Amino acid sequence: DEVLALRAKGEDHALERIYGAIGAAARGDDRQDIGRALRDGVLDA
């Protein structure tokens, strides 16, 4: 919802938020926890 709200400022703002968030998650100390959450999400789906 935050990303979609940023579209009002232009698509580039929304994309910057998406790419920045994914990059930060990949570099962050909690990336293993995020990986587990994503794995659980795939299994639930």
All heavy atoms as atom14 arrays in JSON, in Angstrom:
{
  "sequence": "DEVLALRAKGEDHALERIYGAIGAAARGDDRQDIGRALRDGVLDA",
  "atom14_mask": [
    [1, 1, 1, 1, 1, 1, 1, 1, 0, 0, 0, 0, 0, 0],
    [1, 1, 1, 1, 1, 1, 1, 1, 1, 0, 0, 0, 0, 0],
    [1, 1, 1, 1, 1, 1, 1, 0, 0, 0, 0, 0, 0, 0],
    [1, 1, 1, 1, 1, 1, 1, 1, 0, 0, 0, 0, 0, 0],
    [1, 1, 1, 1, 1, 0, 0, 0, 0, 0, 0, 0, 0, 0],
    [1, 1, 1, 1, 1, 1, 1, 1, 0, 0, 0, 0, 0, 0],
    [1, 1, 1, 1, 1, 1, 1, 1, 1, 1, 1, 0, 0, 0],
    [1, 1, 1, 1, 1, 0, 0, 0, 0, 0, 0, 0, 0, 0],
    [1, 1, 1, 1, 1, 1, 1, 1, 1, 0, 0, 0, 0, 0],
    [1, 1, 1, 1, 0, 0, 0, 0, 0, 0, 0, 0, 0, 0],
    [1, 1, 1, 1, 1, 1, 1, 1, 1, 0, 0, 0, 0, 0],
    [1, 1, 1, 1, 1, 1, 1, 1, 0, 0, 0, 0, 0, 0],
    [1, 1, 1, 1, 1, 1, 1, 1, 1, 1, 0, 0, 0, 0],
    [1, 1, 1, 1, 1, 0, 0, 0, 0, 0, 0, 0, 0, 0],
    [1, 1, 1, 1, 1, 1, 1, 1, 0, 0, 0, 0, 0, 0],
    [1, 1, 1, 1, 1, 1, 1, 1, 1, 0, 0, 0, 0, 0],
    [1, 1, 1, 1, 1, 1, 1, 1, 1, 1, 1, 0, 0, 0],
    [1, 1, 1, 1, 1, 1, 1, 1, 0, 0, 0, 0, 0, 0],
    [1, 1, 1, 1, 1, 1, 1, 1, 1, 1, 1, 1, 0, 0],
    [1, 1, 1, 1, 0, 0, 0, 0, 0, 0, 0, 0, 0, 0],
    [1, 1, 1, 1, 1, 0, 0, 0, 0, 0, 0, 0, 0, 0],
    [1, 1, 1, 1, 1, 1, 1, 1, 0, 0, 0, 0, 0, 0],
    [1, 1, 1, 1, 0, 0, 0, 0, 0, 0, 0, 0, 0, 0],
    [1, 1, 1, 1, 1, 0, 0, 0, 0, 0, 0, 0, 0, 0],
    [1, 1, 1, 1, 1, 0, 0, 0, 0, 0, 0, 0, 0, 0],
    [1, 1, 1, 1, 1, 0, 0, 0, 0, 0, 0, 0, 0, 0],
    [1, 1, 1, 1, 1, 1, 1, 1, 1, 1, 1, 0, 0, 0],
    [1, 1, 1, 1, 0, 0, 0, 0, 0, 0, 0, 0, 0, 0],
    [1, 1, 1, 1, 1, 1, 1, 1, 0, 0, 0, 0, 0, 0],
    [1, 1, 1, 1, 1, 1, 1, 1, 0, 0, 0, 0, 0, 0],
    [1, 1, 1, 1, 1, 1, 1, 1, 1, 1, 1, 0, 0, 0],
    [1, 1, 1, 1, 1, 1, 1, 1, 1, 0, 0, 0, 0, 0],
    [1, 1, 1, 1, 1, 1, 1, 1, 0, 0, 0, 0, 0, 0],
    [1, 1, 1, 1, 1, 1, 1, 1, 0, 0, 0, 0, 0, 0],
    [1, 1, 1, 1, 0, 0, 0, 0, 0, 0, 0, 0, 0, 0],
    [1, 1, 1, 1, 1, 1, 1, 1, 1, 1, 1, 0, 0, 0],
    [1, 1, 1, 1, 1, 0, 0, 0, 0, 0, 0, 0, 0, 0],
    [1, 1, 1, 1, 1, 1, 1, 1, 0, 0, 0, 0, 0, 0],
    [1, 1, 1, 1, 1, 1, 1, 1, 1, 1, 1, 0, 0, 0],
    [1, 1, 1, 1, 1, 1, 1, 1, 0, 0, 0, 0, 0, 0],
    [1, 1, 1, 1, 0, 0, 0, 0, 0, 0, 0, 0, 0, 0],
    [1, 1, 1, 1, 1, 1, 1, 0, 0, 0, 0, 0, 0, 0],
    [1, 1, 1, 1, 1, 1, 1, 1, 0, 0, 0, 0, 0, 0],
    [1, 1, 1, 1, 1, 1, 1, 1, 0, 0, 0, 0, 0, 0],
    [1, 1, 1, 1, 1, 0, 0, 0, 0, 0, 0, 0, 0, 0]
  ],
  "atom14_positions": [
    [[0.83, -1.21, 0.0], [0.0, 0.0, 0.0], [0.87, 1.26, 0.0], [0.52, 2.26, -0.63], [-0.97, 0.0, 1.18], [-2.05, -1.06, 1.02], [-2.33, -1.46, -0.13], [-2.62, -1.48, 2.03], [0.0, 0.0, 0.0], [0.0, 0.0, 0.0], [0.0, 0.0, 0.0], [0.0, 0.0, 0.0], [0.0, 0.0, 0.0], [0.0, 0.0, 0.0]],
    [[1.99, 1.21, 0.69], [2.93, 2.34, 0.69], [3.49, 2.56, -0.71], [3.58, 3.69, -1.19], [4.06, 2.07, 1.68], [5.15, 3.12, 1.69], [6.34, 2.72, 2.54], [6.18, 1.92, 3.49], [7.45, 3.19, 2.24], [0.0, 0.0, 0.0], [0.0, 0.0, 0.0], [0.0, 0.0, 0.0], [0.0, 0.0, 0.0], [0.0, 0.0, 0.0]],
    [[3.85, 1.47, -1.36], [4.39, 1.56, -2.72], [3.35, 2.14, -3.67], [3.64, 3.03, -4.46], [4.85, 0.16, -3.21], [5.16, 0.17, -4.69], [6.04, -0.32, -2.41], [0.0, 0.0, 0.0], [0.0, 0.0, 0.0], [0.0, 0.0, 0.0], [0.0, 0.0, 0.0], [0.0, 0.0, 0.0], [0.0, 0.0, 0.0], [0.0, 0.0, 0.0]],
    [[2.13, 1.65, -3.57], [1.07, 2.14, -4.46], [0.76, 3.61, -4.2], [0.47, 4.36, -5.14], [-0.17, 1.27, -4.32], [0.03, -0.2, -4.77], [-1.24, -0.99, -4.54], [0.48, -0.27, -6.22], [0.0, 0.0, 0.0], [0.0, 0.0, 0.0], [0.0, 0.0, 0.0], [0.0, 0.0, 0.0], [0.0, 0.0, 0.0], [0.0, 0.0, 0.0]],
    [[0.85, 4.03, -2.96], [0.64, 5.45, -2.65], [1.73, 6.32, -3.27], [1.47, 7.45, -3.7], [0.58, 5.66, -1.14], [0.0, 0.0, 0.0], [0.0, 0.0, 0.0], [0.0, 0.0, 0.0], [0.0, 0.0, 0.0], [0.0, 0.0, 0.0], [0.0, 0.0, 0.0], [0.0, 0.0, 0.0], [0.0, 0.0, 0.0], [0.0, 0.0, 0.0]],
    [[2.95, 5.79, -3.35], [4.06, 6.54, -3.95], [3.87, 6.77, -5.44], [4.49, 7.67, -6.02], [5.39, 5.82, -3.7], [5.95, 5.93, -2.29], [7.15, 5.0, -2.12], [6.35, 7.37, -1.99], [0.0, 0.0, 0.0], [0.0, 0.0, 0.0], [0.0, 0.0, 0.0], [0.0, 0.0, 0.0], [0.0, 0.0, 0.0], [0.0, 0.0, 0.0]],
    [[3.02, 5.98, -6.08], [2.77, 6.17, -7.52], [2.22, 7.56, -7.81], [2.4, 8.07, -8.92], [1.76, 5.13, -8.01], [2.35, 3.77, -8.17], [1.33, 2.78, -8.68], [0.81, 3.15, -9.99], [-0.48, 3.11, -10.32], [-1.38, 2.7, -9.45], [-0.87, 3.45, -11.53], [0.0, 0.0, 0.0], [0.0, 0.0, 0.0], [0.0, 0.0, 0.0]],
    [[1.55, 8.17, -6.83], [1.01, 9.52, -7.04], [2.13, 10.52, -7.35], [1.9, 11.51, -8.03], [0.23, 9.97, -5.8], [0.0, 0.0, 0.0], [0.0, 0.0, 0.0], [0.0, 0.0, 0.0], [0.0, 0.0, 0.0], [0.0, 0.0, 0.0], [0.0, 0.0, 0.0], [0.0, 0.0, 0.0], [0.0, 0.0, 0.0], [0.0, 0.0, 0.0]],
    [[3.34, 10.24, -6.86], [4.49, 11.1, -7.12], [5.19, 10.72, -8.42], [6.1, 11.4, -8.85], [5.5, 11.02, -5.98], [5.0, 11.54, -4.66], [6.11, 11.41, -3.64], [5.7, 11.95, -2.3], [6.8, 11.83, -1.32], [0.0, 0.0, 0.0], [0.0, 0.0, 0.0], [0.0, 0.0, 0.0], [0.0, 0.0, 0.0], [0.0, 0.0, 0.0]],
    [[4.81, 9.6, -8.98], [5.44, 9.09, -10.2], [5.91, 7.66, -9.99], [6.3, 7.28, -8.89], [0.0, 0.0, 0.0], [0.0, 0.0, 0.0], [0.0, 0.0, 0.0], [0.0, 0.0, 0.0], [0.0, 0.0, 0.0], [0.0, 0.0, 0.0], [0.0, 0.0, 0.0], [0.0, 0.0, 0.0], [0.0, 0.0, 0.0], [0.0, 0.0, 0.0]],
    [[5.87, 6.9, -11.06], [6.25, 5.49, -10.97], [7.68, 5.31, -10.48], [7.99, 4.36, -9.77], [6.06, 4.82, -12.33], [6.29, 3.33, -12.29], [5.9, 2.63, -13.58], [5.0, 3.11, -14.29], [6.52, 1.6, -13.87], [0.0, 0.0, 0.0], [0.0, 0.0, 0.0], [0.0, 0.0, 0.0], [0.0, 0.0, 0.0], [0.0, 0.0, 0.0]],
    [[8.55, 6.24, -10.84], [9.94, 6.11, -10.42], [10.08, 6.11, -8.89], [10.95, 5.43, -8.34], [10.82, 7.19, -11.05], [10.33, 8.6, -10.77], [9.11, 8.8, -10.67], [11.17, 9.51, -10.66], [0.0, 0.0, 0.0], [0.0, 0.0, 0.0], [0.0, 0.0, 0.0], [0.0, 0.0, 0.0], [0.0, 0.0, 0.0], [0.0, 0.0, 0.0]],
    [[9.23, 6.85, -8.2], [9.28, 6.87, -6.73], [8.88, 5.5, -6.16], [9.5, 5.01, -5.21], [8.36, 7.95, -6.16], [8.84, 9.33, -6.43], [9.86, 9.92, -5.72], [8.47, 10.24, -7.36], [10.09, 11.12, -6.17], [9.26, 11.35, -7.18], [0.0, 0.0, 0.0], [0.0, 0.0, 0.0], [0.0, 0.0, 0.0], [0.0, 0.0, 0.0]],
    [[7.86, 4.91, -6.75], [7.42, 3.59, -6.29], [8.49, 2.54, -6.56], [8.79, 1.71, -5.69], [6.11, 3.22, -6.97], [0.0, 0.0, 0.0], [0.0, 0.0, 0.0], [0.0, 0.0, 0.0], [0.0, 0.0, 0.0], [0.0, 0.0, 0.0], [0.0, 0.0, 0.0], [0.0, 0.0, 0.0], [0.0, 0.0, 0.0], [0.0, 0.0, 0.0]],
    [[9.06, 2.58, -7.74], [10.1, 1.6, -8.08], [11.34, 1.77, -7.22], [11.95, 0.78, -6.8], [10.46, 1.71, -9.56], [9.37, 1.28, -10.53], [9.79, 1.55, -11.96], [8.98, -0.17, -10.32], [0.0, 0.0, 0.0], [0.0, 0.0, 0.0], [0.0, 0.0, 0.0], [0.0, 0.0, 0.0], [0.0, 0.0, 0.0], [0.0, 0.0, 0.0]],
    [[11.69, 3.0, -6.93], [12.83, 3.25, -6.05], [12.6, 2.61, -4.68], [13.5, 2.02, -4.09], [13.05, 4.75, -5.91], [14.26, 5.13, -5.08], [14.43, 6.64, -5.01], [14.28, 7.31, -6.05], [14.73, 7.13, -3.9], [0.0, 0.0, 0.0], [0.0, 0.0, 0.0], [0.0, 0.0, 0.0], [0.0, 0.0, 0.0], [0.0, 0.0, 0.0]],
    [[11.38, 2.72, -4.19], [11.04, 2.12, -2.89], [11.12, 0.6, -2.96], [11.66, -0.05, -2.06], [9.63, 2.57, -2.46], [9.13, 1.92, -1.19], [9.94, 2.4, 0.03], [9.46, 1.74, 1.22], [10.12, 0.76, 1.83], [11.29, 0.36, 1.4], [9.62, 0.21, 2.91], [0.0, 0.0, 0.0], [0.0, 0.0, 0.0], [0.0, 0.0, 0.0]],
    [[10.59, 0.02, -4.02], [10.62, -1.44, -4.17], [12.06, -1.94, -4.23], [12.47, -2.82, -3.47], [9.86, -1.89, -5.44], [8.36, -1.62, -5.29], [10.1, -3.38, -5.72], [7.57, -1.8, -6.58], [0.0, 0.0, 0.0], [0.0, 0.0, 0.0], [0.0, 0.0, 0.0], [0.0, 0.0, 0.0], [0.0, 0.0, 0.0], [0.0, 0.0, 0.0]],
    [[12.86, -1.37, -5.15], [14.23, -1.84, -5.33], [15.08, -1.59, -4.09], [15.9, -2.43, -3.71], [14.87, -1.18, -6.55], [14.12, -1.43, -7.85], [14.12, -0.48, -8.85], [13.4, -2.6, -8.06], [13.44, -0.69, -10.04], [12.72, -2.81, -9.24], [12.75, -1.86, -10.23], [12.07, -2.07, -11.4], [0.0, 0.0, 0.0], [0.0, 0.0, 0.0]],
    [[14.85, -0.45, -3.46], [15.59, -0.15, -2.24], [15.27, -1.12, -1.12], [16.16, -1.58, -0.39], [0.0, 0.0, 0.0], [0.0, 0.0, 0.0], [0.0, 0.0, 0.0], [0.0, 0.0, 0.0], [0.0, 0.0, 0.0], [0.0, 0.0, 0.0], [0.0, 0.0, 0.0], [0.0, 0.0, 0.0], [0.0, 0.0, 0.0], [0.0, 0.0, 0.0]],
    [[13.99, -1.46, -0.98], [13.57, -2.39, 0.07], [14.14, -3.78, -0.15], [14.62, -4.43, 0.79], [12.04, -2.43, 0.14], [0.0, 0.0, 0.0], [0.0, 0.0, 0.0], [0.0, 0.0, 0.0], [0.0, 0.0, 0.0], [0.0, 0.0, 0.0], [0.0, 0.0, 0.0], [0.0, 0.0, 0.0], [0.0, 0.0, 0.0], [0.0, 0.0, 0.0]],
    [[14.09, -4.24, -1.38], [14.61, -5.58, -1.68], [16.13, -5.62, -1.46], [16.66, -6.57, -0.87], [14.25, -6.0, -3.12], [12.72, -6.18, -3.25], [14.97, -7.29, -3.5], [12.24, -6.36, -4.67], [0.0, 0.0, 0.0], [0.0, 0.0, 0.0], [0.0, 0.0, 0.0], [0.0, 0.0, 0.0], [0.0, 0.0, 0.0], [0.0, 0.0, 0.0]],
    [[16.82, -4.57, -1.91], [18.27, -4.51, -1.71], [18.64, -4.48, -0.24], [19.56, -5.18, 0.19], [0.0, 0.0, 0.0], [0.0, 0.0, 0.0], [0.0, 0.0, 0.0], [0.0, 0.0, 0.0], [0.0, 0.0, 0.0], [0.0, 0.0, 0.0], [0.0, 0.0, 0.0], [0.0, 0.0, 0.0], [0.0, 0.0, 0.0], [0.0, 0.0, 0.0]],
    [[17.91, -3.68, 0.54], [18.19, -3.6, 1.98], [17.93, -4.94, 2.66], [18.69, -5.36, 3.54], [17.34, -2.49, 2.62], [0.0, 0.0, 0.0], [0.0, 0.0, 0.0], [0.0, 0.0, 0.0], [0.0, 0.0, 0.0], [0.0, 0.0, 0.0], [0.0, 0.0, 0.0], [0.0, 0.0, 0.0], [0.0, 0.0, 0.0], [0.0, 0.0, 0.0]],
    [[16.87, -5.62, 2.24], [16.56, -6.93, 2.83], [17.66, -7.94, 2.51], [18.04, -8.74, 3.36], [15.21, -7.43, 2.32], [0.0, 0.0, 0.0], [0.0, 0.0, 0.0], [0.0, 0.0, 0.0], [0.0, 0.0, 0.0], [0.0, 0.0, 0.0], [0.0, 0.0, 0.0], [0.0, 0.0, 0.0], [0.0, 0.0, 0.0], [0.0, 0.0, 0.0]],
    [[18.19, -7.87, 1.3], [19.24, -8.81, 0.9], [20.55, -8.57, 1.66], [21.31, -9.51, 1.9], [19.49, -8.7, -0.61], [0.0, 0.0, 0.0], [0.0, 0.0, 0.0], [0.0, 0.0, 0.0], [0.0, 0.0, 0.0], [0.0, 0.0, 0.0], [0.0, 0.0, 0.0], [0.0, 0.0, 0.0], [0.0, 0.0, 0.0], [0.0, 0.0, 0.0]],
    [[20.78, -7.33, 2.04], [22.02, -6.99, 2.75], [21.87, -7.01, 4.27], [22.86, -7.01, 4.99], [22.49, -5.59, 2.34], [22.93, -5.46, 0.92], [23.47, -4.06, 0.63], [22.52, -2.99, 0.93], [21.57, -2.56, 0.1], [21.44, -3.1, -1.08], [20.77, -1.58, 0.45], [0.0, 0.0, 0.0], [0.0, 0.0, 0.0], [0.0, 0.0, 0.0]],
    [[20.65, -7.0, 4.76], [20.4, -6.84, 6.18], [20.77, -8.03, 7.04], [20.92, -9.16, 6.57], [0.0, 0.0, 0.0], [0.0, 0.0, 0.0], [0.0, 0.0, 0.0], [0.0, 0.0, 0.0], [0.0, 0.0, 0.0], [0.0, 0.0, 0.0], [0.0, 0.0, 0.0], [0.0, 0.0, 0.0], [0.0, 0.0, 0.0], [0.0, 0.0, 0.0]],
    [[20.92, -7.75, 8.32], [21.27, -8.8, 9.28], [20.15, -9.83, 9.46], [20.41, -10.95, 9.88], [21.61, -8.18, 10.64], [22.9, -7.37, 10.59], [23.75, -7.64, 9.71], [23.04, -6.46, 11.44], [0.0, 0.0, 0.0], [0.0, 0.0, 0.0], [0.0, 0.0, 0.0], [0.0, 0.0, 0.0], [0.0, 0.0, 0.0], [0.0, 0.0, 0.0]],
    [[18.91, -9.41, 9.16], [17.79, -10.33, 9.35], [17.36, -11.03, 8.06], [16.26, -11.53, 7.94], [16.6, -9.6, 9.98], [16.15, -8.4, 9.16], [16.86, -8.01, 8.22], [15.08, -7.86, 9.47], [0.0, 0.0, 0.0], [0.0, 0.0, 0.0], [0.0, 0.0, 0.0], [0.0, 0.0, 0.0], [0.0, 0.0, 0.0], [0.0, 0.0, 0.0]],
    [[18.28, -11.11, 7.09], [17.92, -11.72, 5.8], [17.54, -13.19, 5.93], [16.72, -13.67, 5.17], [19.01, -11.5, 4.76], [20.34, -12.11, 5.05], [21.36, -11.74, 3.97], [22.67, -12.21, 4.3], [23.55, -11.52, 5.03], [23.24, -10.34, 5.48], [24.73, -12.03, 5.31], [0.0, 0.0, 0.0], [0.0, 0.0, 0.0], [0.0, 0.0, 0.0]],
    [[18.11, -13.89, 6.9], [17.72, -15.29, 7.08], [16.28, -15.39, 7.6], [15.53, -16.26, 7.18], [18.7, -16.0, 8.01], [20.04, -16.23, 7.35], [21.01, -17.0, 8.22], [20.83, -17.08, 9.43], [22.03, -17.56, 7.61], [0.0, 0.0, 0.0], [0.0, 0.0, 0.0], [0.0, 0.0, 0.0], [0.0, 0.0, 0.0], [0.0, 0.0, 0.0]],
    [[15.9, -14.5, 8.49], [14.52, -14.47, 8.98], [13.56, -14.14, 7.84], [12.48, -14.72, 7.73], [14.35, -13.45, 10.1], [15.11, -13.84, 11.36], [15.35, -15.05, 11.56], [15.46, -12.92, 12.14], [0.0, 0.0, 0.0], [0.0, 0.0, 0.0], [0.0, 0.0, 0.0], [0.0, 0.0, 0.0], [0.0, 0.0, 0.0], [0.0, 0.0, 0.0]],
    [[13.96, -13.2, 7.0], [13.13, -12.84, 5.85], [13.03, -14.03, 4.9], [11.95, -14.34, 4.39], [13.71, -11.6, 5.13], [13.58, -10.37, 6.05], [13.02, -11.36, 3.8], [14.37, -9.16, 5.59], [0.0, 0.0, 0.0], [0.0, 0.0, 0.0], [0.0, 0.0, 0.0], [0.0, 0.0, 0.0], [0.0, 0.0, 0.0], [0.0, 0.0, 0.0]],
    [[14.12, -14.73, 4.68], [14.11, -15.92, 3.83], [13.16, -16.98, 4.36], [12.4, -17.59, 3.61], [0.0, 0.0, 0.0], [0.0, 0.0, 0.0], [0.0, 0.0, 0.0], [0.0, 0.0, 0.0], [0.0, 0.0, 0.0], [0.0, 0.0, 0.0], [0.0, 0.0, 0.0], [0.0, 0.0, 0.0], [0.0, 0.0, 0.0], [0.0, 0.0, 0.0]],
    [[13.16, -17.18, 5.67], [12.24, -18.15, 6.27], [10.79, -17.7, 6.11], [9.91, -18.52, 5.82], [12.58, -18.36, 7.75], [13.76, -19.3, 7.97], [13.92, -19.68, 9.43], [14.47, -18.59, 10.23], [15.76, -18.31, 10.34], [16.65, -19.05, 9.71], [16.19, -17.32, 11.09], [0.0, 0.0, 0.0], [0.0, 0.0, 0.0], [0.0, 0.0, 0.0]],
    [[10.55, -16.41, 6.28], [9.18, -15.89, 6.12], [8.7, -16.08, 4.68], [7.55, -16.45, 4.44], [9.12, -14.42, 6.51], [0.0, 0.0, 0.0], [0.0, 0.0, 0.0], [0.0, 0.0, 0.0], [0.0, 0.0, 0.0], [0.0, 0.0, 0.0], [0.0, 0.0, 0.0], [0.0, 0.0, 0.0], [0.0, 0.0, 0.0], [0.0, 0.0, 0.0]],
    [[9.59, -15.85, 3.73], [9.22, -16.05, 2.32], [8.97, -17.52, 2.02], [8.02, -17.87, 1.32], [10.29, -15.48, 1.4], [10.44, -13.96, 1.44], [11.64, -13.52, 0.61], [9.17, -13.27, 0.96], [0.0, 0.0, 0.0], [0.0, 0.0, 0.0], [0.0, 0.0, 0.0], [0.0, 0.0, 0.0], [0.0, 0.0, 0.0], [0.0, 0.0, 0.0]],
    [[9.82, -18.39, 2.56], [9.63, -19.83, 2.37], [8.28, -20.25, 2.93], [7.51, -20.96, 2.27], [10.74, -20.61, 3.07], [10.58, -22.13, 2.92], [11.34, -22.91, 3.97], [10.86, -22.52, 5.29], [11.63, -22.48, 6.38], [12.9, -22.78, 6.32], [11.12, -22.14, 7.54], [0.0, 0.0, 0.0], [0.0, 0.0, 0.0], [0.0, 0.0, 0.0]],
    [[7.96, -19.78, 4.13], [6.67, -20.11, 4.74], [5.52, -19.57, 3.9], [4.47, -20.21, 3.76], [6.59, -19.57, 6.16], [7.55, -20.27, 7.11], [8.1, -21.34, 6.75], [7.77, -19.73, 8.23], [0.0, 0.0, 0.0], [0.0, 0.0, 0.0], [0.0, 0.0, 0.0], [0.0, 0.0, 0.0], [0.0, 0.0, 0.0], [0.0, 0.0, 0.0]],
    [[5.7, -18.37, 3.32], [4.67, -17.79, 2.46], [4.43, -18.63, 1.22], [3.29, -18.82, 0.8], [0.0, 0.0, 0.0], [0.0, 0.0, 0.0], [0.0, 0.0, 0.0], [0.0, 0.0, 0.0], [0.0, 0.0, 0.0], [0.0, 0.0, 0.0], [0.0, 0.0, 0.0], [0.0, 0.0, 0.0], [0.0, 0.0, 0.0], [0.0, 0.0, 0.0]],
    [[5.5, -19.13, 0.62], [5.37, -20.0, -0.56], [4.62, -21.27, -0.18], [3.69, -21.7, -0.88], [6.75, -20.33, -1.17], [6.63, -21.42, -2.22], [7.38, -19.08, -1.76], [0.0, 0.0, 0.0], [0.0, 0.0, 0.0], [0.0, 0.0, 0.0], [0.0, 0.0, 0.0], [0.0, 0.0, 0.0], [0.0, 0.0, 0.0], [0.0, 0.0, 0.0]],
    [[5.01, -21.88, 0.92], [4.35, -23.12, 1.34], [2.87, -22.88, 1.65], [2.01, -23.7, 1.28], [5.06, -23.71, 2.56], [6.47, -24.23, 2.28], [7.16, -24.65, 3.58], [6.45, -25.37, 1.28], [0.0, 0.0, 0.0], [0.0, 0.0, 0.0], [0.0, 0.0, 0.0], [0.0, 0.0, 0.0], [0.0, 0.0, 0.0], [0.0, 0.0, 0.0]],
    [[2.54, -21.77, 2.3], [1.14, -21.45, 2.58], [0.35, -21.26, 1.29], [-0.77, -21.74, 1.16], [1.03, -20.19, 3.44], [1.46, -20.42, 4.88], [1.54, -21.59, 5.31], [1.73, -19.42, 5.57], [0.0, 0.0, 0.0], [0.0, 0.0, 0.0], [0.0, 0.0, 0.0], [0.0, 0.0, 0.0], [0.0, 0.0, 0.0], [0.0, 0.0, 0.0]],
    [[0.94, -20.54, 0.33], [0.25, -20.32, -0.94], [0.03, -21.63, -1.68], [-1.03, -21.86, -2.27], [1.04, -19.34, -1.81], [0.0, 0.0, 0.0], [0.0, 0.0, 0.0], [0.0, 0.0, 0.0], [0.0, 0.0, 0.0], [0.0, 0.0, 0.0], [0.0, 0.0, 0.0], [0.0, 0.0, 0.0], [0.0, 0.0, 0.0], [0.0, 0.0, 0.0]]
  ]
}
